[in-house]
Protein backbone atom coordinates (compact mmCIF):
# COMPACT_ATOMS: atom_id res chain seq x y z
CA MET A 1 -0.03 0.01 -0.20
CA GLY A 2 1.21 3.72 -0.90
CA GLY A 3 0.09 6.74 -1.42
CA GLU A 4 2.63 9.76 -1.25
CA VAL A 5 2.24 12.85 -2.86
CA GLY A 6 3.92 12.83 -6.37
CA GLN A 7 4.14 8.97 -6.85
CA HIS A 8 2.71 7.64 -10.00
CA ARG A 9 2.20 4.15 -11.27
CA GLU A 10 1.93 2.94 -14.89
CA LEU A 11 -1.44 0.71 -15.08
CA PRO A 12 -2.70 -2.18 -17.45
CA ALA A 13 -3.92 -1.00 -20.78
CA LEU A 14 -7.71 -1.25 -20.98
CA ALA A 15 -8.80 -4.02 -23.36
CA PRO A 16 -9.50 -2.66 -26.66
CA GLN A 17 -13.36 -2.26 -27.49
CA HIS A 18 -14.47 -3.98 -30.92
CA ARG A 19 -17.43 -1.61 -31.95
CA PRO A 20 -17.11 2.59 -32.33
CA PRO A 21 -18.16 4.54 -29.55
CA HIS A 22 -21.58 5.72 -29.26
CA ARG A 23 -21.92 9.26 -28.07
CA ILE A 24 -24.87 10.05 -25.76
CA ARG A 25 -25.97 13.74 -24.35
CA VAL A 26 -27.20 14.25 -20.85
CA GLY A 27 -27.59 17.77 -19.44
CA GLY A 28 -25.53 19.70 -22.65
CA GLU A 29 -22.75 17.42 -22.10
CA ASP A 30 -21.62 14.67 -24.73
CA VAL A 31 -20.44 11.36 -23.27
CA VAL A 32 -18.69 8.72 -25.09
CA ALA A 33 -20.39 5.09 -24.07
CA ARG A 34 -18.55 2.02 -25.57
CA ARG A 35 -19.83 -1.26 -26.16
CA GLY A 36 -17.35 -4.02 -24.96
CA TYR A 37 -19.01 -7.14 -24.50
CA ASP A 38 -18.37 -8.41 -28.18
CA GLN A 39 -15.64 -10.74 -26.54
CA PRO A 40 -15.02 -12.33 -23.28
CA ARG A 41 -13.57 -9.84 -20.89
CA PRO A 42 -9.91 -10.44 -20.09
CA LEU A 43 -9.45 -11.26 -16.45
CA GLY A 44 -6.47 -10.42 -14.36
CA PRO A 45 -5.02 -7.78 -12.16
CA LEU A 46 -7.26 -4.87 -11.74
CA GLY A 47 -4.58 -2.30 -11.12
CA LEU A 48 -5.36 -0.10 -8.33
CA HIS A 49 -7.85 -0.29 -5.26
CA LEU A 50 -8.85 3.22 -4.11
CA VAL A 51 -10.48 3.82 -1.02
CA CYS A 52 -11.68 7.06 -0.05
CA THR A 53 -10.50 8.07 3.30
CA ASN A 54 -10.79 11.77 3.15
CA GLY A 55 -12.05 12.47 6.65
CA ARG A 56 -11.59 16.54 6.03
CA HIS A 57 -14.60 16.64 3.17
CA ASP A 58 -16.84 14.15 5.08
CA PRO A 59 -15.89 12.30 8.49
CA CYS A 60 -17.98 9.43 7.23
CA CYS A 61 -15.37 8.74 4.59
CA ALA A 62 -12.41 8.23 6.98
CA ASP A 63 -14.58 6.56 9.75
CA LEU A 64 -15.65 4.00 7.33
CA GLY A 65 -13.25 3.70 4.82
CA ARG A 66 -9.77 3.42 7.06
CA PRO A 67 -11.19 -0.14 8.31
CA VAL A 68 -12.15 -1.22 4.61
CA VAL A 69 -8.33 -0.48 3.83
CA ARG A 70 -6.62 -2.23 6.77
CA ALA A 71 -9.24 -5.07 5.99
CA LEU A 72 -8.00 -5.39 2.55
CA VAL A 73 -4.48 -5.23 3.49
CA ASP A 74 -4.98 -8.02 5.81
CA SER A 75 -6.67 -10.12 3.50
CA GLY A 76 -3.54 -9.57 1.12
CA VAL A 77 -5.22 -7.41 -1.54
CA ASP A 78 -2.27 -5.81 -3.67
CA ASP A 79 -2.08 -2.07 -4.59
CA VAL A 80 -4.71 -0.73 -1.94
CA TRP A 81 -4.29 2.67 -1.56
CA GLU A 82 -5.93 5.30 0.32
CA SER A 83 -7.41 8.23 -1.70
CA SER A 84 -8.97 11.75 -1.56
CA HIS A 85 -12.47 12.65 -2.31
CA VAL A 86 -14.19 10.55 -4.92
CA GLY A 87 -17.35 11.74 -4.46
CA GLY A 88 -20.71 10.22 -3.17
CA ASP A 89 -19.98 10.76 0.71
CA ARG A 90 -23.18 9.04 1.41
CA PHE A 91 -21.99 5.98 -0.02
CA ALA A 92 -18.88 5.70 2.44
CA ALA A 93 -16.82 3.43 2.53
CA ASN A 94 -16.22 4.00 -1.33
CA ILE A 95 -13.74 1.94 -3.17
CA VAL A 96 -13.02 2.85 -6.91
CA LEU A 97 -11.37 0.38 -9.08
CA LEU A 98 -9.12 1.43 -11.75
CA PRO A 99 -8.42 0.84 -14.88
CA ASP A 100 -12.22 -0.25 -15.00
CA GLY A 101 -13.57 2.89 -13.59
CA VAL A 102 -16.19 0.84 -11.50
CA TYR A 103 -17.56 2.34 -8.20
CA TYR A 104 -18.61 0.37 -5.14
CA GLY A 105 -20.25 2.00 -2.15
CA ARG A 106 -21.18 1.10 1.38
CA VAL A 107 -18.42 -1.34 1.34
CA GLY A 108 -17.59 -2.93 4.98
CA PRO A 109 -14.56 -4.47 5.95
CA ASP A 110 -16.00 -8.08 6.36
CA ASP A 111 -16.96 -8.08 2.73
CA ALA A 112 -14.63 -5.98 0.92
CA ALA A 113 -12.05 -8.73 -0.15
CA ASP A 114 -14.62 -11.11 -1.17
CA LEU A 115 -16.28 -8.25 -3.36
CA LEU A 116 -13.05 -7.68 -5.07
CA ALA A 117 -12.41 -11.22 -5.72
CA ALA A 118 -15.95 -11.54 -7.20
CA HIS A 119 -15.17 -8.64 -9.31
CA ARG A 120 -11.85 -10.24 -10.72
CA ALA A 121 -13.98 -13.33 -11.76
CA GLY A 122 -16.32 -10.86 -13.70
CA THR A 123 -18.83 -10.85 -11.50
CA LEU A 124 -20.70 -7.48 -9.97
CA SER A 125 -21.72 -7.09 -6.29
CA LEU A 126 -25.24 -5.33 -7.32
CA ASP A 127 -25.96 -4.35 -3.54
CA ARG A 128 -22.83 -2.75 -3.60
CA PHE A 129 -21.89 -1.41 -7.32
CA ARG A 130 -22.57 2.32 -7.92
CA GLY A 131 -21.90 2.69 -11.47
CA ARG A 132 -19.09 3.50 -13.83
CA SER A 133 -16.87 6.64 -14.01
CA HIS A 134 -17.20 7.54 -17.72
CA LEU A 135 -21.11 7.93 -17.10
CA PRO A 136 -22.92 10.83 -15.67
CA PRO A 137 -24.87 10.15 -12.15
CA LEU A 138 -28.35 9.76 -13.64
CA VAL A 139 -27.08 7.19 -15.92
CA GLN A 140 -25.18 5.34 -13.34
CA ALA A 141 -28.55 5.50 -11.63
CA ALA A 142 -30.38 3.99 -14.53
CA ASP A 143 -27.69 0.98 -15.17
CA LEU A 144 -27.77 -0.23 -11.98
CA PHE A 145 -31.66 -0.05 -11.50
CA ALA A 146 -31.85 -1.90 -15.25
CA ARG A 147 -29.05 -4.52 -13.82
CA ARG A 148 -31.19 -5.12 -10.69
CA HIS A 149 -34.30 -5.23 -12.87
CA LEU A 150 -32.82 -8.04 -15.23
CA ASP A 151 -30.88 -9.82 -12.52
CA GLU A 152 -27.50 -9.16 -14.62
CA SER A 153 -24.46 -9.37 -12.62
CA ARG A 154 -22.11 -9.67 -15.23
CA VAL A 155 -19.33 -6.70 -15.34
CA ASP A 156 -19.73 -6.61 -19.09
CA GLY A 157 -23.48 -7.41 -18.99
CA THR A 158 -24.89 -4.23 -20.09
CA PHE A 159 -24.65 -1.06 -22.24
CA VAL A 160 -26.07 2.40 -22.36
CA VAL A 161 -27.52 2.72 -25.90
CA SER A 162 -29.08 6.44 -25.64
CA THR A 163 -30.57 8.81 -23.34
CA ASP A 164 -33.32 11.52 -23.71
CA ARG A 165 -33.77 14.24 -21.43
CA ARG A 166 -37.89 14.90 -21.17
CA VAL A 167 -39.80 18.38 -20.89
CA ASP A 168 -41.02 17.09 -17.36
CA GLY A 169 -37.26 17.02 -16.06
CA THR A 170 -36.67 13.14 -16.31
CA VAL A 171 -34.11 11.22 -18.38
CA ALA A 172 -35.20 8.33 -20.34
CA VAL A 173 -32.22 5.83 -20.46
CA LEU A 174 -32.03 2.80 -22.72
CA VAL A 175 -30.09 -0.13 -21.56
CA GLU A 176 -29.26 -3.39 -23.67
CA GLN A 177 -28.50 -6.34 -21.82
CA ARG A 178 -25.85 -8.53 -23.42
CA ALA A 179 -28.29 -11.25 -24.01
CA GLY A 180 -29.82 -8.50 -26.40
CA THR A 181 -32.95 -7.41 -23.90
CA MET A 182 -33.54 -3.59 -23.78
CA VAL A 183 -34.93 -1.77 -20.83
CA GLU A 184 -35.62 1.83 -20.82
CA VAL A 185 -35.31 3.30 -17.20
CA VAL A 186 -36.69 6.85 -16.22
CA VAL A 187 -34.78 8.88 -13.56
CA ARG A 188 -35.64 11.56 -11.72
CA ARG A 189 -33.58 13.54 -8.85
CA ARG A 190 -34.84 13.28 -5.50
CA ARG A 191 -33.49 14.70 -2.06
CA ALA A 192 -31.15 12.33 -0.68
CA VAL A 193 -31.35 11.11 2.97
CA PRO A 194 -27.98 12.42 4.75
CA ARG A 195 -25.33 10.05 6.33
CA SER A 196 -23.80 13.37 8.31
CA ALA A 197 -24.38 16.96 8.87
CA ARG A 198 -21.79 17.67 6.25
CA ALA A 199 -23.67 15.75 3.84
CA LEU A 200 -27.05 17.85 3.92
CA TRP A 201 -26.07 20.40 0.92
CA ARG A 202 -25.45 17.48 -1.04
CA ARG A 203 -27.07 17.11 -4.77
CA PRO A 204 -30.53 15.31 -4.58
CA MET A 205 -30.26 11.51 -5.26
CA PRO A 206 -31.61 9.86 -8.61
CA ARG A 207 -34.77 8.09 -8.52
CA CYS A 208 -35.68 5.31 -11.31
CA SER A 209 -38.31 3.50 -12.53
CA THR A 210 -39.04 1.43 -15.57
CA THR A 211 -41.32 1.34 -18.44
CA GLY A 212 -40.33 -2.44 -19.27
CA PRO A 213 -38.74 -4.41 -22.24
CA ALA A 214 -38.08 -1.73 -25.20
CA GLY A 215 -39.21 -3.07 -28.46
């Protein structure tokens, strides 16, 4: 484990994608989404495991993150680093896996090592999965909702096809399962219940519903 200022690590290269990137538009910003399930995902070292322990931003991150760091190190997990703020204090303890760009939240010291082992085997923990870093929060929430609706826990099991911001303020997200099923998820923001006093000002959380399989 390390983390001194100025240190750097050379990470494994991301697996090449076999279809051209798709560009989706959310909130006026273009987001590139890549379809990466055309061939089996190479399994191996994940690179870095970042655990947010930034107590200056929110005490929950330090109080809940440091026991996770100790548990992972004691379990023999390589490349565990304490990190500064990664967003989503209410989900502490947070783990970010690089180079995958996968966020896990509300991870406890008792289940952290098993969660990472399952991820290395290609399976997400849907109870802890927050989303992928290249997607906006609303789309992350829609992907998670679709995965739970479809009972899809494979790391490469879904792909965001498109998004549509509606006049009522909701966002419709079309999610495709690897098996070919498509689900439209409608996302609306709502105020989150804070886990600490400092989280009172945080942005509203997404709230999702599904319109069912898309034809």
